[in-house]
Amino acid sequence: MLLVDDCADDAELTRIELHGAGLDVDCLWVASEAALHAALDGPAPQLVLSDLNMPGFDGPRALAIVRERAPGAKFVLLTGAIAEDATLPEADGVLLKHELHELPGLVRELLGA
């Protein structure tokens, strides 16, 4: 699993939530577009969890990169808030960060676990 987030604390909370729910997943954290490209040079991830808003980089751009480089990967946007008039890209899931307790169920559903 690949975590795309500019905040190390948010990435760690995501890992804790998944492991606490009994999901035995290896998580690689990246915090920039360059690091995402480098991570995708290796084995393709089954799932990418990406922050929606990051300085100089964003979830829609991360989604476009993943769709191009790892088209079989599932993609979930994580965000602190969604504006009422926001248009979100076609991800496999969108989850508010304050609802991380729902992430393990979504991961199980997307990965068929």
PDB file of N, CA and C in Angstrom:
ATOM      1  N   MET A   1       0.846  -1.165   0.000  1.00  0.00           N
ATOM      2  CA  MET A   1       0.000   0.000   0.000  1.00  0.00           C
ATOM      3  C   MET A   1       0.894   1.230   0.000  1.00  0.00           C
ATOM      4  N   LEU A   2       0.446   2.226  -0.727  1.00  0.00           N
ATOM      5  CA  LEU A   2       1.199   3.469  -0.850  1.00  0.00           C
ATOM      6  C   LEU A   2       0.391   4.601  -0.228  1.00  0.00           C
ATOM      7  N   LEU A   3       1.006   5.354   0.688  1.00  0.00           N
ATOM      8  CA  LEU A   3       0.376   6.505   1.332  1.00  0.00           C
ATOM      9  C   LEU A   3       1.011   7.773   0.778  1.00  0.00           C
ATOM     10  N   VAL A   4       0.198   8.655   0.214  1.00  0.00           N
ATOM     11  CA  VAL A   4       0.680   9.917  -0.333  1.00  0.00           C
ATOM     12  C   VAL A   4       0.126  11.029   0.556  1.00  0.00           C
ATOM     13  N   ASP A   5       0.984  11.639   1.343  1.00  0.00           N
ATOM     14  CA  ASP A   5       0.532  12.675   2.273  1.00  0.00           C
ATOM     15  C   ASP A   5       1.717  13.546   2.653  1.00  0.00           C
ATOM     16  N   ASP A   6       1.516  14.838   2.745  1.00  0.00           N
ATOM     17  CA  ASP A   6       2.590  15.741   3.130  1.00  0.00           C
ATOM     18  C   ASP A   6       2.820  15.769   4.635  1.00  0.00           C
ATOM     19  N   CYS A   7       1.949  15.156   5.387  1.00  0.00           N
ATOM     20  CA  CYS A   7       2.032  15.187   6.854  1.00  0.00           C
ATOM     21  C   CYS A   7       2.382  13.798   7.405  1.00  0.00           C
ATOM     22  N   ALA A   8       3.559  13.687   8.008  1.00  0.00           N
ATOM     23  CA  ALA A   8       3.999  12.405   8.569  1.00  0.00           C
ATOM     24  C   ALA A   8       3.034  11.903   9.642  1.00  0.00           C
ATOM     25  N   ASP A   9       2.497  12.813  10.454  1.00  0.00           N
ATOM     26  CA  ASP A   9       1.563  12.411  11.511  1.00  0.00           C
ATOM     27  C   ASP A   9       0.300  11.797  10.924  1.00  0.00           C
ATOM     28  N   ASP A  10      -0.241  12.391   9.852  1.00  0.00           N
ATOM     29  CA  ASP A  10      -1.441  11.835   9.217  1.00  0.00           C
ATOM     30  C   ASP A  10      -1.150  10.464   8.616  1.00  0.00           C
ATOM     31  N   ALA A  11       0.010  10.314   8.000  1.00  0.00           N
ATOM     32  CA  ALA A  11       0.387   9.017   7.435  1.00  0.00           C
ATOM     33  C   ALA A  11       0.493   7.969   8.537  1.00  0.00           C
ATOM     34  N   GLU A  12       1.083   8.336   9.661  1.00  0.00           N
ATOM     35  CA  GLU A  12       1.222   7.404  10.775  1.00  0.00           C
ATOM     36  C   GLU A  12      -0.143   7.039  11.368  1.00  0.00           C
ATOM     37  N   LEU A  13      -1.031   8.012  11.505  1.00  0.00           N
ATOM     38  CA  LEU A  13      -2.382   7.718  11.997  1.00  0.00           C
ATOM     39  C   LEU A  13      -3.117   6.751  11.065  1.00  0.00           C
ATOM     40  N   THR A  14      -2.906   6.907   9.781  1.00  0.00           N
ATOM     41  CA  THR A  14      -3.524   6.003   8.807  1.00  0.00           C
ATOM     42  C   THR A  14      -2.989   4.590   9.000  1.00  0.00           C
ATOM     43  N   ARG A  15      -1.686   4.466   9.128  1.00  0.00           N
ATOM     44  CA  ARG A  15      -1.065   3.143   9.371  1.00  0.00           C
ATOM     45  C   ARG A  15      -1.603   2.516  10.654  1.00  0.00           C
ATOM     46  N   ILE A  16      -1.677   3.314  11.707  1.00  0.00           N
ATOM     47  CA  ILE A  16      -2.152   2.816  13.002  1.00  0.00           C
ATOM     48  C   ILE A  16      -3.586   2.305  12.872  1.00  0.00           C
ATOM     49  N   GLU A  17      -4.424   3.047  12.177  1.00  0.00           N
ATOM     50  CA  GLU A  17      -5.823   2.644  11.997  1.00  0.00           C
ATOM     51  C   GLU A  17      -5.918   1.300  11.270  1.00  0.00           C
ATOM     52  N   LEU A  18      -5.135   1.135  10.223  1.00  0.00           N
ATOM     53  CA  LEU A  18      -5.168  -0.113   9.449  1.00  0.00           C
ATOM     54  C   LEU A  18      -4.630  -1.290  10.262  1.00  0.00           C
ATOM     55  N   HIS A  19      -3.504  -1.103  10.909  1.00  0.00           N
ATOM     56  CA  HIS A  19      -2.914  -2.180  11.702  1.00  0.00           C
ATOM     57  C   HIS A  19      -3.774  -2.502  12.920  1.00  0.00           C
ATOM     58  N   GLY A  20      -4.368  -1.479  13.529  1.00  0.00           N
ATOM     59  CA  GLY A  20      -5.241  -1.691  14.681  1.00  0.00           C
ATOM     60  C   GLY A  20      -6.484  -2.491  14.343  1.00  0.00           C
ATOM     61  N   ALA A  21      -6.881  -2.442  13.085  1.00  0.00           N
ATOM     62  CA  ALA A  21      -8.057  -3.203  12.635  1.00  0.00           C
ATOM     63  C   ALA A  21      -7.664  -4.602  12.158  1.00  0.00           C
ATOM     64  N   GLY A  22      -6.387  -4.946  12.334  1.00  0.00           N
ATOM     65  CA  GLY A  22      -5.953  -6.287  11.970  1.00  0.00           C
ATOM     66  C   GLY A  22      -5.548  -6.455  10.524  1.00  0.00           C
ATOM     67  N   LEU A  23      -5.404  -5.362   9.798  1.00  0.00           N
ATOM     68  CA  LEU A  23      -4.961  -5.457   8.406  1.00  0.00           C
ATOM     69  C   LEU A  23      -3.435  -5.501   8.375  1.00  0.00           C
ATOM     70  N   ASP A  24      -2.900  -6.576   7.872  1.00  0.00           N
ATOM     71  CA  ASP A  24      -1.455  -6.749   7.786  1.00  0.00           C
ATOM     72  C   ASP A  24      -0.985  -6.206   6.444  1.00  0.00           C
ATOM     73  N   VAL A  25      -0.802  -4.895   6.374  1.00  0.00           N
ATOM     74  CA  VAL A  25      -0.408  -4.248   5.128  1.00  0.00           C
ATOM     75  C   VAL A  25       0.928  -3.551   5.315  1.00  0.00           C
ATOM     76  N   ASP A  26       1.756  -3.651   4.291  1.00  0.00           N
ATOM     77  CA  ASP A  26       2.994  -2.884   4.259  1.00  0.00           C
ATOM     78  C   ASP A  26       2.668  -1.525   3.678  1.00  0.00           C
ATOM     79  N   CYS A  27       3.029  -0.474   4.376  1.00  0.00           N
ATOM     80  CA  CYS A  27       2.721   0.886   3.940  1.00  0.00           C
ATOM     81  C   CYS A  27       4.005   1.630   3.608  1.00  0.00           C
ATOM     82  N   LEU A  28       4.064   2.159   2.406  1.00  0.00           N
ATOM     83  CA  LEU A  28       5.164   3.031   2.004  1.00  0.00           C
ATOM     84  C   LEU A  28       4.613   4.438   1.940  1.00  0.00           C
ATOM     85  N   TRP A  29       5.247   5.367   2.672  1.00  0.00           N
ATOM     86  CA  TRP A  29       4.791   6.748   2.718  1.00  0.00           C
ATOM     87  C   TRP A  29       5.650   7.608   1.809  1.00  0.00           C
ATOM     88  N   VAL A  30       4.994   8.421   0.973  1.00  0.00           N
ATOM     89  CA  VAL A  30       5.684   9.407   0.150  1.00  0.00           C
ATOM     90  C   VAL A  30       5.002  10.765   0.365  1.00  0.00           C
ATOM     91  N   ALA A  31       5.781  11.837   0.229  1.00  0.00           N
ATOM     92  CA  ALA A  31       5.251  13.164   0.539  1.00  0.00           C
ATOM     93  C   ALA A  31       5.355  14.153  -0.607  1.00  0.00           C
ATOM     94  N   SER A  32       5.736  13.675  -1.801  1.00  0.00           N
ATOM     95  CA  SER A  32       5.889  14.597  -2.921  1.00  0.00           C
ATOM     96  C   SER A  32       5.627  13.874  -4.233  1.00  0.00           C
ATOM     97  N   GLU A  33       5.461  14.661  -5.288  1.00  0.00           N
ATOM     98  CA  GLU A  33       5.243  14.087  -6.610  1.00  0.00           C
ATOM     99  C   GLU A  33       6.459  13.276  -7.052  1.00  0.00           C
ATOM    100  N   ALA A  34       7.656  13.791  -6.818  1.00  0.00           N
ATOM    101  CA  ALA A  34       8.880  13.073  -7.199  1.00  0.00           C
ATOM    102  C   ALA A  34       8.976  11.740  -6.461  1.00  0.00           C
ATOM    103  N   ALA A  35       8.645  11.735  -5.178  1.00  0.00           N
ATOM    104  CA  ALA A  35       8.693  10.500  -4.392  1.00  0.00           C
ATOM    105  C   ALA A  35       7.636   9.503  -4.871  1.00  0.00           C
ATOM    106  N   LEU A  36       6.476  10.000  -5.302  1.00  0.00           N
ATOM    107  CA  LEU A  36       5.441   9.114  -5.847  1.00  0.00           C
ATOM    108  C   LEU A  36       5.953   8.438  -7.112  1.00  0.00           C
ATOM    109  N   HIS A  37       6.555   9.218  -8.017  1.00  0.00           N
ATOM    110  CA  HIS A  37       7.123   8.631  -9.234  1.00  0.00           C
ATOM    111  C   HIS A  37       8.169   7.570  -8.882  1.00  0.00           C
ATOM    112  N   ALA A  38       9.043   7.871  -7.931  1.00  0.00           N
ATOM    113  CA  ALA A  38      10.082   6.916  -7.533  1.00  0.00           C
ATOM    114  C   ALA A  38       9.470   5.639  -6.966  1.00  0.00           C
ATOM    115  N   ALA A  39       8.438   5.787  -6.134  1.00  0.00           N
ATOM    116  CA  ALA A  39       7.779   4.612  -5.551  1.00  0.00           C
ATOM    117  C   ALA A  39       7.135   3.744  -6.631  1.00  0.00           C
ATOM    118  N   LEU A  40       6.613   4.382  -7.665  1.00  0.00           N
ATOM    119  CA  LEU A  40       5.949   3.640  -8.741  1.00  0.00           C
ATOM    120  C   LEU A  40       6.944   2.996  -9.702  1.00  0.00           C
ATOM    121  N   ASP A  41       8.237   3.266  -9.527  1.00  0.00           N
ATOM    122  CA  ASP A  41       9.261   2.576 -10.307  1.00  0.00           C
ATOM    123  C   ASP A  41       9.426   1.136  -9.831  1.00  0.00           C
ATOM    124  N   GLY A  42       8.977   0.855  -8.608  1.00  0.00           N
ATOM    125  CA  GLY A  42       9.047  -0.494  -8.050  1.00  0.00           C
ATOM    126  C   GLY A  42       7.776  -1.262  -8.373  1.00  0.00           C
ATOM    127  N   PRO A  43       7.516  -2.304  -7.611  1.00  0.00           N
ATOM    128  CA  PRO A  43       6.292  -3.075  -7.824  1.00  0.00           C
ATOM    129  C   PRO A  43       5.043  -2.195  -7.671  1.00  0.00           C
ATOM    130  N   ALA A  44       4.076  -2.403  -8.526  1.00  0.00           N
ATOM    131  CA  ALA A  44       2.840  -1.603  -8.481  1.00  0.00           C
ATOM    132  C   ALA A  44       2.064  -1.900  -7.204  1.00  0.00           C
ATOM    133  N   PRO A  45       1.601  -0.868  -6.529  1.00  0.00           N
ATOM    134  CA  PRO A  45       0.801  -1.086  -5.321  1.00  0.00           C
ATOM    135  C   PRO A  45      -0.607  -1.553  -5.686  1.00  0.00           C
ATOM    136  N   GLN A  46      -1.232  -2.280  -4.766  1.00  0.00           N
ATOM    137  CA  GLN A  46      -2.637  -2.653  -4.952  1.00  0.00           C
ATOM    138  C   GLN A  46      -3.546  -1.474  -4.627  1.00  0.00           C
ATOM    139  N   LEU A  47      -3.100  -0.634  -3.693  1.00  0.00           N
ATOM    140  CA  LEU A  47      -3.926   0.455  -3.190  1.00  0.00           C
ATOM    141  C   LEU A  47      -3.067   1.670  -2.910  1.00  0.00           C
ATOM    142  N   VAL A  48      -3.596   2.839  -3.277  1.00  0.00           N
ATOM    143  CA  VAL A  48      -2.953   4.112  -2.970  1.00  0.00           C
ATOM    144  C   VAL A  48      -3.946   4.949  -2.177  1.00  0.00           C
ATOM    145  N   LEU A  49      -3.501   5.442  -1.032  1.00  0.00           N
ATOM    146  CA  LEU A  49      -4.282   6.372  -0.217  1.00  0.00           C
ATOM    147  C   LEU A  49      -3.596   7.712  -0.330  1.00  0.00           C
ATOM    148  N   SER A  50      -4.333   8.739  -0.772  1.00  0.00           N
ATOM    149  CA  SER A  50      -3.709  10.033  -1.011  1.00  0.00           C
ATOM    150  C   SER A  50      -4.489  11.168  -0.372  1.00  0.00           C
ATOM    151  N   ASP A  51      -3.747  12.057   0.254  1.00  0.00           N
ATOM    152  CA  ASP A  51      -4.320  13.308   0.733  1.00  0.00           C
ATOM    153  C   ASP A  51      -4.838  14.076  -0.481  1.00  0.00           C
ATOM    154  N   LEU A  52      -5.912  14.805  -0.311  1.00  0.00           N
ATOM    155  CA  LEU A  52      -6.488  15.590  -1.397  1.00  0.00           C
ATOM    156  C   LEU A  52      -5.708  16.883  -1.620  1.00  0.00           C
ATOM    157  N   ASN A  53      -5.338  17.552  -0.541  1.00  0.00           N
ATOM    158  CA  ASN A  53      -4.680  18.862  -0.642  1.00  0.00           C
ATOM    159  C   ASN A  53      -3.307  18.825   0.011  1.00  0.00           C
ATOM    160  N   MET A  54      -2.283  19.077  -0.809  1.00  0.00           N
ATOM    161  CA  MET A  54      -0.908  19.132  -0.321  1.00  0.00           C
ATOM    162  C   MET A  54      -0.239  20.331  -0.978  1.00  0.00           C
ATOM    163  N   PRO A  55       0.685  20.973  -0.294  1.00  0.00           N
ATOM    164  CA  PRO A  55       1.379  22.121  -0.890  1.00  0.00           C
ATOM    165  C   PRO A  55       2.158  21.722  -2.150  1.00  0.00           C
ATOM    166  N   GLY A  56       1.865  22.358  -3.262  1.00  0.00           N
ATOM    167  CA  GLY A  56       2.572  22.103  -4.503  1.00  0.00           C
ATOM    168  C   GLY A  56       2.204  20.815  -5.210  1.00  0.00           C
ATOM    169  N   PHE A  57       1.258  20.085  -4.697  1.00  0.00           N
ATOM    170  CA  PHE A  57       0.891  18.780  -5.228  1.00  0.00           C
ATOM    171  C   PHE A  57      -0.488  18.466  -4.678  1.00  0.00           C
ATOM    172  N   ASP A  58      -1.297  17.708  -5.402  1.00  0.00           N
ATOM    173  CA  ASP A  58      -2.621  17.412  -4.869  1.00  0.00           C
ATOM    174  C   ASP A  58      -3.095  16.015  -5.269  1.00  0.00           C
ATOM    175  N   GLY A  59      -4.193  15.608  -4.660  1.00  0.00           N
ATOM    176  CA  GLY A  59      -4.766  14.296  -4.906  1.00  0.00           C
ATOM    177  C   GLY A  59      -5.130  14.034  -6.358  1.00  0.00           C
ATOM    178  N   PRO A  60      -5.771  14.991  -7.054  1.00  0.00           N
ATOM    179  CA  PRO A  60      -6.077  14.746  -8.469  1.00  0.00           C
ATOM    180  C   PRO A  60      -4.826  14.472  -9.308  1.00  0.00           C
ATOM    181  N   ARG A  61      -3.728  15.185  -9.035  1.00  0.00           N
ATOM    182  CA  ARG A  61      -2.485  14.938  -9.772  1.00  0.00           C
ATOM    183  C   ARG A  61      -1.926  13.558  -9.409  1.00  0.00           C
ATOM    184  N   ALA A  62      -1.977  13.209  -8.127  1.00  0.00           N
ATOM    185  CA  ALA A  62      -1.521  11.883  -7.702  1.00  0.00           C
ATOM    186  C   ALA A  62      -2.349  10.793  -8.377  1.00  0.00           C
ATOM    187  N   LEU A  63      -3.658  10.999  -8.457  1.00  0.00           N
ATOM    188  CA  LEU A  63      -4.539  10.028  -9.110  1.00  0.00           C
ATOM    189  C   LEU A  63      -4.165   9.859 -10.577  1.00  0.00           C
ATOM    190  N   ALA A  64      -3.928  10.957 -11.274  1.00  0.00           N
ATOM    191  CA  ALA A  64      -3.559  10.888 -12.693  1.00  0.00           C
ATOM    192  C   ALA A  64      -2.258  10.108 -12.879  1.00  0.00           C
ATOM    193  N   ILE A  65      -1.298  10.349 -12.003  1.00  0.00           N
ATOM    194  CA  ILE A  65      -0.018   9.648 -12.091  1.00  0.00           C
ATOM    195  C   ILE A  65      -0.212   8.154 -11.841  1.00  0.00           C
ATOM    196  N   VAL A  66      -0.978   7.827 -10.813  1.00  0.00           N
ATOM    197  CA  VAL A  66      -1.204   6.414 -10.487  1.00  0.00           C
ATOM    198  C   VAL A  66      -1.979   5.721 -11.595  1.00  0.00           C
ATOM    199  N   ARG A  67      -2.990   6.361 -12.149  1.00  0.00           N
ATOM    200  CA  ARG A  67      -3.775   5.746 -13.234  1.00  0.00           C
ATOM    201  C   ARG A  67      -2.898   5.462 -14.449  1.00  0.00           C
ATOM    202  N   GLU A  68      -1.919   6.338 -14.688  1.00  0.00           N
ATOM    203  CA  GLU A  68      -1.014   6.154 -15.822  1.00  0.00           C
ATOM    204  C   GLU A  68       0.042   5.085 -15.539  1.00  0.00           C
ATOM    205  N   ARG A  69       0.620   5.125 -14.349  1.00  0.00           N
ATOM    206  CA  ARG A  69       1.767   4.263 -14.041  1.00  0.00           C
ATOM    207  C   ARG A  69       1.389   2.929 -13.411  1.00  0.00           C
ATOM    208  N   ALA A  70       0.255   2.867 -12.714  1.00  0.00           N
ATOM    209  CA  ALA A  70      -0.191   1.634 -12.042  1.00  0.00           C
ATOM    210  C   ALA A  70      -1.704   1.526 -12.201  1.00  0.00           C
ATOM    211  N   PRO A  71      -2.174   1.320 -13.438  1.00  0.00           N
ATOM    212  CA  PRO A  71      -3.616   1.391 -13.714  1.00  0.00           C
ATOM    213  C   PRO A  71      -4.478   0.390 -12.948  1.00  0.00           C
ATOM    214  N   GLY A  72      -3.898  -0.666 -12.437  1.00  0.00           N
ATOM    215  CA  GLY A  72      -4.683  -1.638 -11.681  1.00  0.00           C
ATOM    216  C   GLY A  72      -4.857  -1.295 -10.217  1.00  0.00           C
ATOM    217  N   ALA A  73      -4.164  -0.276  -9.746  1.00  0.00           N
ATOM    218  CA  ALA A  73      -4.219   0.096  -8.329  1.00  0.00           C
ATOM    219  C   ALA A  73      -5.543   0.790  -7.999  1.00  0.00           C
ATOM    220  N   LYS A  74      -6.094   0.464  -6.863  1.00  0.00           N
ATOM    221  CA  LYS A  74      -7.249   1.186  -6.326  1.00  0.00           C
ATOM    222  C   LYS A  74      -6.727   2.485  -5.725  1.00  0.00           C
ATOM    223  N   PHE A  75      -7.575   3.522  -5.731  1.00  0.00           N
ATOM    224  CA  PHE A  75      -7.132   4.846  -5.283  1.00  0.00           C
ATOM    225  C   PHE A  75      -8.200   5.464  -4.389  1.00  0.00           C
ATOM    226  N   VAL A  76      -7.793   5.874  -3.191  1.00  0.00           N
ATOM    227  CA  VAL A  76      -8.701   6.506  -2.227  1.00  0.00           C
ATOM    228  C   VAL A  76      -8.152   7.878  -1.854  1.00  0.00           C
ATOM    229  N   LEU A  77      -9.000   8.882  -1.935  1.00  0.00           N
ATOM    230  CA  LEU A  77      -8.648  10.233  -1.502  1.00  0.00           C
ATOM    231  C   LEU A  77      -9.008  10.396  -0.034  1.00  0.00           C
ATOM    232  N   LEU A  78      -8.084  10.931   0.746  1.00  0.00           N
ATOM    233  CA  LEU A  78      -8.319  11.259   2.149  1.00  0.00           C
ATOM    234  C   LEU A  78      -8.223  12.771   2.282  1.00  0.00           C
ATOM    235  N   THR A  79      -9.137  13.361   3.012  1.00  0.00           N
ATOM    236  CA  THR A  79      -9.118  14.808   3.140  1.00  0.00           C
ATOM    237  C   THR A  79      -9.690  15.248   4.484  1.00  0.00           C
ATOM    238  N   GLY A  80      -9.238  16.409   4.922  1.00  0.00           N
ATOM    239  CA  GLY A  80      -9.758  16.978   6.156  1.00  0.00           C
ATOM    240  C   GLY A  80     -11.137  17.578   5.970  1.00  0.00           C
ATOM    241  N   ALA A  81     -11.423  18.064   4.769  1.00  0.00           N
ATOM    242  CA  ALA A  81     -12.719  18.690   4.480  1.00  0.00           C
ATOM    243  C   ALA A  81     -12.933  18.713   2.970  1.00  0.00           C
ATOM    244  N   ILE A  82     -14.190  18.741   2.598  1.00  0.00           N
ATOM    245  CA  ILE A  82     -14.562  18.845   1.187  1.00  0.00           C
ATOM    246  C   ILE A  82     -15.473  20.058   1.041  1.00  0.00           C
ATOM    247  N   ALA A  83     -15.072  20.978   0.190  1.00  0.00           N
ATOM    248  CA  ALA A  83     -15.890  22.165  -0.048  1.00  0.00           C
ATOM    249  C   ALA A  83     -17.204  21.743  -0.708  1.00  0.00           C
ATOM    250  N   GLU A  84     -18.266  22.479  -0.388  1.00  0.00           N
ATOM    251  CA  GLU A  84     -19.594  22.170  -0.927  1.00  0.00           C
ATOM    252  C   GLU A  84     -19.613  22.115  -2.449  1.00  0.00           C
ATOM    253  N   ASP A  85     -18.872  22.993  -3.087  1.00  0.00           N
ATOM    254  CA  ASP A  85     -18.874  23.075  -4.544  1.00  0.00           C
ATOM    255  C   ASP A  85     -17.699  22.334  -5.187  1.00  0.00           C
ATOM    256  N   ALA A  86     -17.017  21.494  -4.404  1.00  0.00           N
ATOM    257  CA  ALA A  86     -15.841  20.789  -4.914  1.00  0.00           C
ATOM    258  C   ALA A  86     -16.229  19.729  -5.933  1.00  0.00           C
ATOM    259  N   THR A  87     -15.429  19.618  -6.953  1.00  0.00           N
ATOM    260  CA  THR A  87     -15.559  18.547  -7.930  1.00  0.00           C
ATOM    261  C   THR A  87     -14.384  17.608  -7.705  1.00  0.00           C
ATOM    262  N   LEU A  88     -14.683  16.406  -7.271  1.00  0.00           N
ATOM    263  CA  LEU A  88     -13.633  15.444  -6.971  1.00  0.00           C
ATOM    264  C   LEU A  88     -13.379  14.547  -8.174  1.00  0.00           C
ATOM    265  N   PRO A  89     -12.144  14.112  -8.349  1.00  0.00           N
ATOM    266  CA  PRO A  89     -11.843  13.195  -9.447  1.00  0.00           C
ATOM    267  C   PRO A  89     -12.448  11.812  -9.186  1.00  0.00           C
ATOM    268  N   GLU A  90     -12.492  10.997 -10.205  1.00  0.00           N
ATOM    269  CA  GLU A  90     -13.084   9.664 -10.122  1.00  0.00           C
ATOM    270  C   GLU A  90     -12.143   8.690  -9.419  1.00  0.00           C
ATOM    271  N   ALA A  91     -12.119   8.747  -8.123  1.00  0.00           N
ATOM    272  CA  ALA A  91     -11.328   7.824  -7.315  1.00  0.00           C
ATOM    273  C   ALA A  91     -12.207   6.635  -6.938  1.00  0.00           C
ATOM    274  N   ASP A  92     -11.585   5.598  -6.381  1.00  0.00           N
ATOM    275  CA  ASP A  92     -12.337   4.425  -5.938  1.00  0.00           C
ATOM    276  C   ASP A  92     -12.990   4.658  -4.581  1.00  0.00           C
ATOM    277  N   GLY A  93     -12.602   5.730  -3.914  1.00  0.00           N
ATOM    278  CA  GLY A  93     -13.185   6.070  -2.635  1.00  0.00           C
ATOM    279  C   GLY A  93     -12.718   7.438  -2.179  1.00  0.00           C
ATOM    280  N   VAL A  94     -13.523   8.066  -1.338  1.00  0.00           N
ATOM    281  CA  VAL A  94     -13.184   9.354  -0.722  1.00  0.00           C
ATOM    282  C   VAL A  94     -13.566   9.230   0.743  1.00  0.00           C
ATOM    283  N   LEU A  95     -12.655   9.611   1.621  1.00  0.00           N
ATOM    284  CA  LEU A  95     -12.910   9.481   3.043  1.00  0.00           C
ATOM    285  C   LEU A  95     -12.372  10.711   3.762  1.00  0.00           C
ATOM    286  N   LEU A  96     -13.169  11.251   4.670  1.00  0.00           N
ATOM    287  CA  LEU A  96     -12.714  12.362   5.500  1.00  0.00           C
ATOM    288  C   LEU A  96     -11.766  11.829   6.567  1.00  0.00           C
ATOM    289  N   LYS A  97     -10.715  12.581   6.851  1.00  0.00           N
ATOM    290  CA  LYS A  97      -9.707  12.111   7.802  1.00  0.00           C
ATOM    291  C   LYS A  97     -10.266  11.912   9.201  1.00  0.00           C
ATOM    292  N   HIS A  98     -11.291  12.646   9.574  1.00  0.00           N
ATOM    293  CA  HIS A  98     -11.861  12.434  10.902  1.00  0.00           C
ATOM    294  C   HIS A  98     -12.752  11.188  10.935  1.00  0.00           C
ATOM    295  N   GLU A  99     -12.884  10.503   9.809  1.00  0.00           N
ATOM    296  CA  GLU A  99     -13.640   9.253   9.740  1.00  0.00           C
ATOM    297  C   GLU A  99     -12.722   8.071   9.421  1.00  0.00           C
ATOM    298  N   LEU A 100     -11.465   8.166   9.828  1.00  0.00           N
ATOM    299  CA  LEU A 100     -10.490   7.110   9.528  1.00  0.00           C
ATOM    300  C   LEU A 100     -10.915   5.745  10.062  1.00  0.00           C
ATOM    301  N   HIS A 101     -11.776   5.732  11.073  1.00  0.00           N
ATOM    302  CA  HIS A 101     -12.250   4.450  11.600  1.00  0.00           C
ATOM    303  C   HIS A 101     -12.983   3.641  10.517  1.00  0.00           C
ATOM    304  N   GLU A 102     -13.433   4.300   9.453  1.00  0.00           N
ATOM    305  CA  GLU A 102     -14.102   3.610   8.350  1.00  0.00           C
ATOM    306  C   GLU A 102     -13.126   3.083   7.304  1.00  0.00           C
ATOM    307  N   LEU A 103     -11.860   3.476   7.394  1.00  0.00           N
ATOM    308  CA  LEU A 103     -10.877   3.089   6.386  1.00  0.00           C
ATOM    309  C   LEU A 103     -10.648   1.580   6.289  1.00  0.00           C
ATOM    310  N   PRO A 104     -10.495   0.859   7.400  1.00  0.00           N
ATOM    311  CA  PRO A 104     -10.267  -0.584   7.261  1.00  0.00           C
ATOM    312  C   PRO A 104     -11.382  -1.298   6.475  1.00  0.00           C
ATOM    313  N   GLY A 105     -12.620  -0.943   6.714  1.00  0.00           N
ATOM    314  CA  GLY A 105     -13.717  -1.552   5.969  1.00  0.00           C
ATOM    315  C   GLY A 105     -13.642  -1.242   4.488  1.00  0.00           C
ATOM    316  N   LEU A 106     -13.303   0.002   4.157  1.00  0.00           N
ATOM    317  CA  LEU A 106     -13.171   0.400   2.763  1.00  0.00           C
ATOM    318  C   LEU A 106     -12.012  -0.349   2.099  1.00  0.00           C
ATOM    319  N   VAL A 107     -10.897  -0.467   2.808  1.00  0.00           N
ATOM    320  CA  VAL A 107      -9.751  -1.193   2.276  1.00  0.00           C
ATOM    321  C   VAL A 107     -10.113  -2.655   2.026  1.00  0.00           C
ATOM    322  N   ARG A 108     -10.774  -3.277   2.971  1.00  0.00           N
ATOM    323  CA  ARG A 108     -11.190  -4.676   2.795  1.00  0.00           C
ATOM    324  C   ARG A 108     -12.103  -4.814   1.566  1.00  0.00           C
ATOM    325  N   GLU A 109     -13.033  -3.888   1.427  1.00  0.00           N
ATOM    326  CA  GLU A 109     -13.958  -3.909   0.294  1.00  0.00           C
ATOM    327  C   GLU A 109     -13.208  -3.753  -1.045  1.00  0.00           C
ATOM    328  N   LEU A 110     -12.314  -2.809  -1.113  1.00  0.00           N
ATOM    329  CA  LEU A 110     -11.588  -2.549  -2.363  1.00  0.00           C
ATOM    330  C   LEU A 110     -10.630  -3.670  -2.730  1.00  0.00           C
ATOM    331  N   LEU A 111     -10.025  -4.295  -1.723  1.00  0.00           N
ATOM    332  CA  LEU A 111      -9.047  -5.338  -1.998  1.00  0.00           C
ATOM    333  C   LEU A 111      -9.635  -6.744  -1.938  1.00  0.00           C
ATOM    334  N   GLY A 112     -10.912  -6.824  -1.610  1.00  0.00           N
ATOM    335  CA  GLY A 112     -11.553  -8.135  -1.533  1.00  0.00           C
ATOM    336  C   GLY A 112     -11.001  -8.975  -0.400  1.00  0.00           C
ATOM    337  N   ALA A 113     -10.565  -8.297   0.660  1.00  0.00           N
ATOM    338  CA  ALA A 113      -9.973  -9.023   1.803  1.00  0.00           C
ATOM    339  C   ALA A 113     -10.998  -9.304   2.879  1.00  0.00           C
TER     340      ALA A 113
END
